[in-house]
Amino acid sequence: MDSKCERRGDTALYVACAGGHTDSVKLLLESKADVSKGTSSGISPLHAACRRGYKDTVKLLMKYKADISQCNSNKESPLYVACEGGHTSTAKLLLQNKADVALCNYKGESPLFVACKEGHKDTVKLLLQSFAEVSQCEYYGGNSPLHVVCDSSSSFPGIAKRRYKKKDPDCLEIVQLLIASKADVKMCNKKGNTPLDIARELNFYEIVHFLQKHL
């Protein structure tokens, strides 16, 4: 049942998981499809289901012993991709099954970092409740989750697109969640900038005022 469906090596199980076709997934697994076999980029069927937030499919894959720690070629775990997409209920299911909340991708970005980067408030809250390291920095710029929430550069499209909505409070609320979990307001990235420096430079006044109260 694991015949390749596309040039990149997609199996029938992978395609079914990517589409959230749980009945087909069940049939394939009952027919002994390899639950771990992914694409040439190391994207497993579990990754495919997590990326799109197909919780029932994820639950079924785990019943058949899918490896929740299996990473793709970018060292992204299933939890990472679920958090990147803001699929909080799927992330919760993975965490309940002992997914590693601290497992980073090749850039050193944790699930918490990417959830902050994309502006997914509810996912951030879940990860903090699961004891994610609040000041864990990515490798290249030395940015913490708090830095990335305050940064609206084009390299962070999730936040950048949300920043200009007049009444979108998620950025400030994420900052508040991070500070409540003891994020280091004074931590500098590799450019020597603190989260407050970034927020001030971008005229993000509400965050500036909030951070100043927590110096």
C-alpha atoms as a PDB file:
ATOM      1  CA  MET A   1       0.000   0.000   0.000  1.00  0.00           C
ATOM      2  CA  ASP A   2       3.047   2.275   0.111  1.00  0.00           C
ATOM      3  CA  SER A   3       3.438   2.779  -3.635  1.00  0.00           C
ATOM      4  CA  LYS A   4       4.817   6.212  -4.522  1.00  0.00           C
ATOM      5  CA  CYS A   5       2.195   8.687  -5.647  1.00  0.00           C
ATOM      6  CA  GLU A   6       4.405  11.545  -6.813  1.00  0.00           C
ATOM      7  CA  ARG A   7       7.982  12.109  -7.917  1.00  0.00           C
ATOM      8  CA  ARG A   8       9.001  13.443  -4.542  1.00  0.00           C
ATOM      9  CA  GLY A   9       8.053  10.163  -2.932  1.00  0.00           C
ATOM     10  CA  ASP A  10       4.617  10.787  -1.460  1.00  0.00           C
ATOM     11  CA  THR A  11       3.022   7.546  -0.325  1.00  0.00           C
ATOM     12  CA  ALA A  12      -0.697   6.836  -0.407  1.00  0.00           C
ATOM     13  CA  LEU A  13      -0.749   7.206   3.373  1.00  0.00           C
ATOM     14  CA  TYR A  14       1.001  10.570   3.217  1.00  0.00           C
ATOM     15  CA  VAL A  15      -1.476  11.899   0.646  1.00  0.00           C
ATOM     16  CA  ALA A  16      -4.445  10.687   2.704  1.00  0.00           C
ATOM     17  CA  CYS A  17      -3.042  12.335   5.841  1.00  0.00           C
ATOM     18  CA  ALA A  18      -2.324  15.601   4.036  1.00  0.00           C
ATOM     19  CA  GLY A  19      -5.954  15.694   2.943  1.00  0.00           C
ATOM     20  CA  GLY A  20      -7.369  14.746   6.323  1.00  0.00           C
ATOM     21  CA  HIS A  21      -9.065  11.669   4.884  1.00  0.00           C
ATOM     22  CA  THR A  22      -9.262   9.743   8.137  1.00  0.00           C
ATOM     23  CA  ASP A  23     -11.264   6.807   6.767  1.00  0.00           C
ATOM     24  CA  SER A  24      -8.689   6.259   4.028  1.00  0.00           C
ATOM     25  CA  VAL A  25      -5.879   6.597   6.557  1.00  0.00           C
ATOM     26  CA  LYS A  26      -7.502   3.931   8.717  1.00  0.00           C
ATOM     27  CA  LEU A  27      -7.868   1.579   5.764  1.00  0.00           C
ATOM     28  CA  LEU A  28      -4.234   2.044   4.754  1.00  0.00           C
ATOM     29  CA  LEU A  29      -2.963   1.492   8.284  1.00  0.00           C
ATOM     30  CA  GLU A  30      -5.074  -1.635   8.660  1.00  0.00           C
ATOM     31  CA  SER A  31      -3.443  -2.812   5.417  1.00  0.00           C
ATOM     32  CA  LYS A  32       0.008  -2.425   6.995  1.00  0.00           C
ATOM     33  CA  ALA A  33       1.067   0.861   5.425  1.00  0.00           C
ATOM     34  CA  ASP A  34       4.320   2.175   6.908  1.00  0.00           C
ATOM     35  CA  VAL A  35       3.194   4.813   9.409  1.00  0.00           C
ATOM     36  CA  SER A  36       6.599   6.523   9.430  1.00  0.00           C
ATOM     37  CA  LYS A  37       7.468   6.602   5.738  1.00  0.00           C
ATOM     38  CA  GLY A  38       7.442  10.157   4.443  1.00  0.00           C
ATOM     39  CA  THR A  39       8.634  12.220   1.519  1.00  0.00           C
ATOM     40  CA  SER A  40      12.191  12.659   0.309  1.00  0.00           C
ATOM     41  CA  SER A  41      12.321  15.735   2.581  1.00  0.00           C
ATOM     42  CA  GLY A  42      11.550  13.613   5.601  1.00  0.00           C
ATOM     43  CA  ILE A  43       7.995  14.890   5.974  1.00  0.00           C
ATOM     44  CA  SER A  44       6.103  12.049   7.622  1.00  0.00           C
ATOM     45  CA  PRO A  45       2.374  11.333   7.421  1.00  0.00           C
ATOM     46  CA  LEU A  46       2.157  12.690  10.978  1.00  0.00           C
ATOM     47  CA  HIS A  47       3.818  15.938   9.894  1.00  0.00           C
ATOM     48  CA  ALA A  48       1.307  16.264   7.065  1.00  0.00           C
ATOM     49  CA  ALA A  49      -1.677  15.836   9.376  1.00  0.00           C
ATOM     50  CA  CYS A  50      -0.238  18.143  12.051  1.00  0.00           C
ATOM     51  CA  ARG A  51       0.570  20.907   9.579  1.00  0.00           C
ATOM     52  CA  ARG A  52      -3.098  21.128   8.643  1.00  0.00           C
ATOM     53  CA  GLY A  53      -4.495  20.495  12.105  1.00  0.00           C
ATOM     54  CA  TYR A  54      -6.292  17.240  11.312  1.00  0.00           C
ATOM     55  CA  LYS A  55      -6.631  16.135  14.917  1.00  0.00           C
ATOM     56  CA  ASP A  56      -8.590  12.924  14.266  1.00  0.00           C
ATOM     57  CA  THR A  57      -6.010  11.821  11.715  1.00  0.00           C
ATOM     58  CA  VAL A  58      -3.203  12.627  14.147  1.00  0.00           C
ATOM     59  CA  LYS A  59      -4.924  10.612  16.864  1.00  0.00           C
ATOM     60  CA  LEU A  60      -5.263   7.633  14.527  1.00  0.00           C
ATOM     61  CA  LEU A  61      -1.616   7.803  13.458  1.00  0.00           C
ATOM     62  CA  MET A  62      -0.489   7.841  17.073  1.00  0.00           C
ATOM     63  CA  LYS A  63      -2.680   4.815  17.776  1.00  0.00           C
ATOM     64  CA  TYR A  64      -0.560   3.048  15.161  1.00  0.00           C
ATOM     65  CA  LYS A  65       2.646   4.167  16.893  1.00  0.00           C
ATOM     66  CA  ALA A  66       3.635   7.109  14.718  1.00  0.00           C
ATOM     67  CA  ASP A  67       6.834   8.643  16.082  1.00  0.00           C
ATOM     68  CA  ILE A  68       5.968  12.062  17.514  1.00  0.00           C
ATOM     69  CA  SER A  69       9.676  12.942  17.715  1.00  0.00           C
ATOM     70  CA  GLN A  70      10.462  12.189  14.056  1.00  0.00           C
ATOM     71  CA  CYS A  71      11.772  15.367  12.417  1.00  0.00           C
ATOM     72  CA  ASN A  72      11.859  16.377   8.775  1.00  0.00           C
ATOM     73  CA  SER A  73      14.973  17.556   6.915  1.00  0.00           C
ATOM     74  CA  ASN A  74      14.662  20.980   8.585  1.00  0.00           C
ATOM     75  CA  LYS A  75      14.580  19.266  11.981  1.00  0.00           C
ATOM     76  CA  GLU A  76      10.972  20.319  12.467  1.00  0.00           C
ATOM     77  CA  SER A  77       8.976  18.026  14.733  1.00  0.00           C
ATOM     78  CA  PRO A  78       5.246  17.336  14.349  1.00  0.00           C
ATOM     79  CA  LEU A  79       4.676  19.612  17.359  1.00  0.00           C
ATOM     80  CA  TYR A  80       6.645  22.397  15.680  1.00  0.00           C
ATOM     81  CA  VAL A  81       4.554  22.310  12.501  1.00  0.00           C
ATOM     82  CA  ALA A  82       1.296  22.140  14.474  1.00  0.00           C
ATOM     83  CA  CYS A  83       2.350  25.221  16.450  1.00  0.00           C
ATOM     84  CA  GLU A  84       3.477  27.022  13.310  1.00  0.00           C
ATOM     85  CA  GLY A  85      -0.030  26.647  11.933  1.00  0.00           C
ATOM     86  CA  GLY A  86      -1.710  27.638  15.191  1.00  0.00           C
ATOM     87  CA  HIS A  87      -3.429  24.270  15.535  1.00  0.00           C
ATOM     88  CA  THR A  88      -3.763  24.409  19.295  1.00  0.00           C
ATOM     89  CA  SER A  89      -5.931  21.327  19.816  1.00  0.00           C
ATOM     90  CA  THR A  90      -3.548  19.233  17.721  1.00  0.00           C
ATOM     91  CA  ALA A  91      -0.566  20.597  19.646  1.00  0.00           C
ATOM     92  CA  LYS A  92      -2.329  19.759  22.905  1.00  0.00           C
ATOM     93  CA  LEU A  93      -2.880  16.174  21.756  1.00  0.00           C
ATOM     94  CA  LEU A  94       0.818  15.824  20.916  1.00  0.00           C
ATOM     95  CA  LEU A  95       1.868  17.269  24.266  1.00  0.00           C
ATOM     96  CA  GLN A  96      -0.473  14.898  26.083  1.00  0.00           C
ATOM     97  CA  ASN A  97       1.424  12.103  24.344  1.00  0.00           C
ATOM     98  CA  LYS A  98       4.818  13.355  25.545  1.00  0.00           C
ATOM     99  CA  ALA A  99       5.935  15.438  22.569  1.00  0.00           C
ATOM    100  CA  ASP A 100       9.115  17.370  23.382  1.00  0.00           C
ATOM    101  CA  VAL A 101       8.129  21.007  23.901  1.00  0.00           C
ATOM    102  CA  ALA A 102      11.773  22.100  23.606  1.00  0.00           C
ATOM    103  CA  LEU A 103      12.697  20.317  20.353  1.00  0.00           C
ATOM    104  CA  CYS A 104      13.987  22.972  17.928  1.00  0.00           C
ATOM    105  CA  ASN A 105      14.441  23.107  14.175  1.00  0.00           C
ATOM    106  CA  TYR A 106      17.803  23.627  12.478  1.00  0.00           C
ATOM    107  CA  LYS A 107      17.607  27.376  13.145  1.00  0.00           C
ATOM    108  CA  GLY A 108      17.130  26.797  16.849  1.00  0.00           C
ATOM    109  CA  GLU A 109      13.495  27.884  16.699  1.00  0.00           C
ATOM    110  CA  SER A 110      11.374  26.144  19.320  1.00  0.00           C
ATOM    111  CA  PRO A 111       7.632  25.444  19.034  1.00  0.00           C
ATOM    112  CA  LEU A 112       7.074  28.437  21.338  1.00  0.00           C
ATOM    113  CA  PHE A 113       9.251  30.655  19.164  1.00  0.00           C
ATOM    114  CA  VAL A 114       7.368  29.805  15.982  1.00  0.00           C
ATOM    115  CA  ALA A 115       3.971  30.200  17.665  1.00  0.00           C
ATOM    116  CA  CYS A 116       5.051  33.682  18.799  1.00  0.00           C
ATOM    117  CA  LYS A 117       6.502  34.418  15.373  1.00  0.00           C
ATOM    118  CA  GLU A 118       3.178  33.632  13.708  1.00  0.00           C
ATOM    119  CA  GLY A 119       1.066  35.387  16.337  1.00  0.00           C
ATOM    120  CA  HIS A 120      -0.863  32.348  17.589  1.00  0.00           C
ATOM    121  CA  LYS A 121      -1.931  33.489  21.048  1.00  0.00           C
ATOM    122  CA  ASP A 122      -3.824  30.367  22.134  1.00  0.00           C
ATOM    123  CA  THR A 123      -0.978  28.107  21.047  1.00  0.00           C
ATOM    124  CA  VAL A 124       1.510  30.270  22.948  1.00  0.00           C
ATOM    125  CA  LYS A 125      -0.637  29.976  26.059  1.00  0.00           C
ATOM    126  CA  LEU A 126      -0.768  26.177  25.735  1.00  0.00           C
ATOM    127  CA  LEU A 127       3.005  25.896  25.322  1.00  0.00           C
ATOM    128  CA  LEU A 128       3.688  28.101  28.332  1.00  0.00           C
ATOM    129  CA  GLN A 129       1.305  25.976  30.387  1.00  0.00           C
ATOM    130  CA  SER A 130       3.377  23.001  29.212  1.00  0.00           C
ATOM    131  CA  PHE A 131       6.554  24.592  30.611  1.00  0.00           C
ATOM    132  CA  ALA A 132       8.129  25.725  27.349  1.00  0.00           C
ATOM    133  CA  GLU A 133      11.386  27.616  27.915  1.00  0.00           C
ATOM    134  CA  VAL A 134      10.289  31.222  27.639  1.00  0.00           C
ATOM    135  CA  SER A 135      13.706  32.736  26.881  1.00  0.00           C
ATOM    136  CA  GLN A 136      15.113  30.064  24.551  1.00  0.00           C
ATOM    137  CA  CYS A 137      16.765  31.902  21.642  1.00  0.00           C
ATOM    138  CA  GLU A 138      17.165  30.930  18.012  1.00  0.00           C
ATOM    139  CA  TYR A 139      20.710  30.435  16.741  1.00  0.00           C
ATOM    140  CA  TYR A 140      21.220  33.015  14.016  1.00  0.00           C
ATOM    141  CA  GLY A 141      20.003  36.296  15.467  1.00  0.00           C
ATOM    142  CA  GLY A 142      19.901  35.351  19.125  1.00  0.00           C
ATOM    143  CA  ASN A 143      16.254  36.382  19.283  1.00  0.00           C
ATOM    144  CA  SER A 144      13.981  35.154  22.059  1.00  0.00           C
ATOM    145  CA  PRO A 145      10.237  34.566  21.682  1.00  0.00           C
ATOM    146  CA  LEU A 146       9.717  38.024  23.194  1.00  0.00           C
ATOM    147  CA  HIS A 147      11.995  39.598  20.579  1.00  0.00           C
ATOM    148  CA  VAL A 148      10.110  38.012  17.722  1.00  0.00           C
ATOM    149  CA  VAL A 149       6.708  39.213  18.920  1.00  0.00           C
ATOM    150  CA  CYS A 150       8.058  42.769  18.978  1.00  0.00           C
ATOM    151  CA  ASP A 151       9.627  42.522  15.521  1.00  0.00           C
ATOM    152  CA  SER A 152       7.550  43.327  12.440  1.00  0.00           C
ATOM    153  CA  SER A 153      10.221  42.737   9.783  1.00  0.00           C
ATOM    154  CA  SER A 154       9.197  41.023   6.569  1.00  0.00           C
ATOM    155  CA  SER A 155      11.006  37.858   7.640  1.00  0.00           C
ATOM    156  CA  PHE A 156       8.270  37.309  10.205  1.00  0.00           C
ATOM    157  CA  PRO A 157       5.130  37.398   8.036  1.00  0.00           C
ATOM    158  CA  GLY A 158       2.699  36.177  10.681  1.00  0.00           C
ATOM    159  CA  ILE A 159       3.307  39.151  12.945  1.00  0.00           C
ATOM    160  CA  ALA A 160       3.953  41.605  10.111  1.00  0.00           C
ATOM    161  CA  LYS A 161       0.535  41.043   8.555  1.00  0.00           C
ATOM    162  CA  ARG A 162      -1.234  41.323  11.898  1.00  0.00           C
ATOM    163  CA  ARG A 163       0.642  44.401  13.083  1.00  0.00           C
ATOM    164  CA  TYR A 164      -1.321  46.848  10.996  1.00  0.00           C
ATOM    165  CA  LYS A 165      -4.791  45.757  12.037  1.00  0.00           C
ATOM    166  CA  LYS A 166      -6.036  48.521  14.317  1.00  0.00           C
ATOM    167  CA  LYS A 167      -7.820  46.355  16.857  1.00  0.00           C
ATOM    168  CA  ASP A 168      -5.785  43.157  16.836  1.00  0.00           C
ATOM    169  CA  PRO A 169      -4.650  42.748  20.463  1.00  0.00           C
ATOM    170  CA  ASP A 170      -2.877  39.413  20.000  1.00  0.00           C
ATOM    171  CA  CYS A 171       0.676  40.797  19.869  1.00  0.00           C
ATOM    172  CA  LEU A 172       0.268  42.654  23.149  1.00  0.00           C
ATOM    173  CA  GLU A 173      -1.496  39.689  24.741  1.00  0.00           C
ATOM    174  CA  ILE A 174       1.334  37.371  23.703  1.00  0.00           C
ATOM    175  CA  VAL A 175       3.834  39.787  25.244  1.00  0.00           C
ATOM    176  CA  GLN A 176       1.778  39.783  28.442  1.00  0.00           C
ATOM    177  CA  LEU A 177       1.737  35.980  28.497  1.00  0.00           C
ATOM    178  CA  LEU A 178       5.506  35.812  28.033  1.00  0.00           C
ATOM    179  CA  ILE A 179       6.188  38.370  30.762  1.00  0.00           C
ATOM    180  CA  ALA A 180       3.841  36.544  33.137  1.00  0.00           C
ATOM    181  CA  SER A 181       5.996  33.467  32.492  1.00  0.00           C
ATOM    182  CA  LYS A 182       9.164  35.379  33.430  1.00  0.00           C
ATOM    183  CA  ALA A 183      10.506  36.256  29.987  1.00  0.00           C
ATOM    184  CA  ASP A 184      13.670  38.353  30.263  1.00  0.00           C
ATOM    185  CA  VAL A 185      12.806  41.902  29.177  1.00  0.00           C
ATOM    186  CA  LYS A 186      16.470  42.943  29.262  1.00  0.00           C
ATOM    187  CA  MET A 187      17.821  40.097  27.120  1.00  0.00           C
ATOM    188  CA  CYS A 188      19.787  41.323  24.087  1.00  0.00           C
ATOM    189  CA  ASN A 189      19.923  39.626  20.704  1.00  0.00           C
ATOM    190  CA  LYS A 190      23.122  39.442  18.637  1.00  0.00           C
ATOM    191  CA  LYS A 191      22.608  43.018  17.447  1.00  0.00           C
ATOM    192  CA  GLY A 192      22.478  44.186  21.040  1.00  0.00           C
ATOM    193  CA  ASN A 193      18.766  44.972  20.927  1.00  0.00           C
ATOM    194  CA  THR A 194      16.292  44.187  23.681  1.00  0.00           C
ATOM    195  CA  PRO A 195      12.603  43.519  22.966  1.00  0.00           C
ATOM    196  CA  LEU A 196      11.906  47.035  24.256  1.00  0.00           C
ATOM    197  CA  ASP A 197      14.415  48.516  21.789  1.00  0.00           C
ATOM    198  CA  ILE A 198      12.616  46.786  18.923  1.00  0.00           C
ATOM    199  CA  ALA A 199       9.131  47.806  20.058  1.00  0.00           C
ATOM    200  CA  ARG A 200      10.280  51.398  20.560  1.00  0.00           C
ATOM    201  CA  GLU A 201      11.909  51.565  17.123  1.00  0.00           C
ATOM    202  CA  LEU A 202       8.693  50.338  15.518  1.00  0.00           C
ATOM    203  CA  ASN A 203       6.512  52.746  17.509  1.00  0.00           C
ATOM    204  CA  PHE A 204       4.599  49.856  19.029  1.00  0.00           C
ATOM    205  CA  TYR A 205       3.473  52.095  21.874  1.00  0.00           C
ATOM    206  CA  GLU A 206       1.256  49.718  23.840  1.00  0.00           C
ATOM    207  CA  ILE A 207       4.018  47.128  24.043  1.00  0.00           C
ATOM    208  CA  VAL A 208       6.606  49.811  24.875  1.00  0.00           C
ATOM    209  CA  HIS A 209       4.510  51.052  27.794  1.00  0.00           C
ATOM    210  CA  PHE A 210       3.904  47.525  29.034  1.00  0.00           C
ATOM    211  CA  LEU A 211       7.558  46.481  28.833  1.00  0.00           C
ATOM    212  CA  GLN A 212       8.731  49.651  30.572  1.00  0.00           C
ATOM    213  CA  LYS A 213       6.637  48.669  33.575  1.00  0.00           C
ATOM    214  CA  HIS A 214       8.480  45.348  33.785  1.00  0.00           C
ATOM    215  CA  LEU A 215      12.098  46.464  33.552  1.00  0.00           C
END
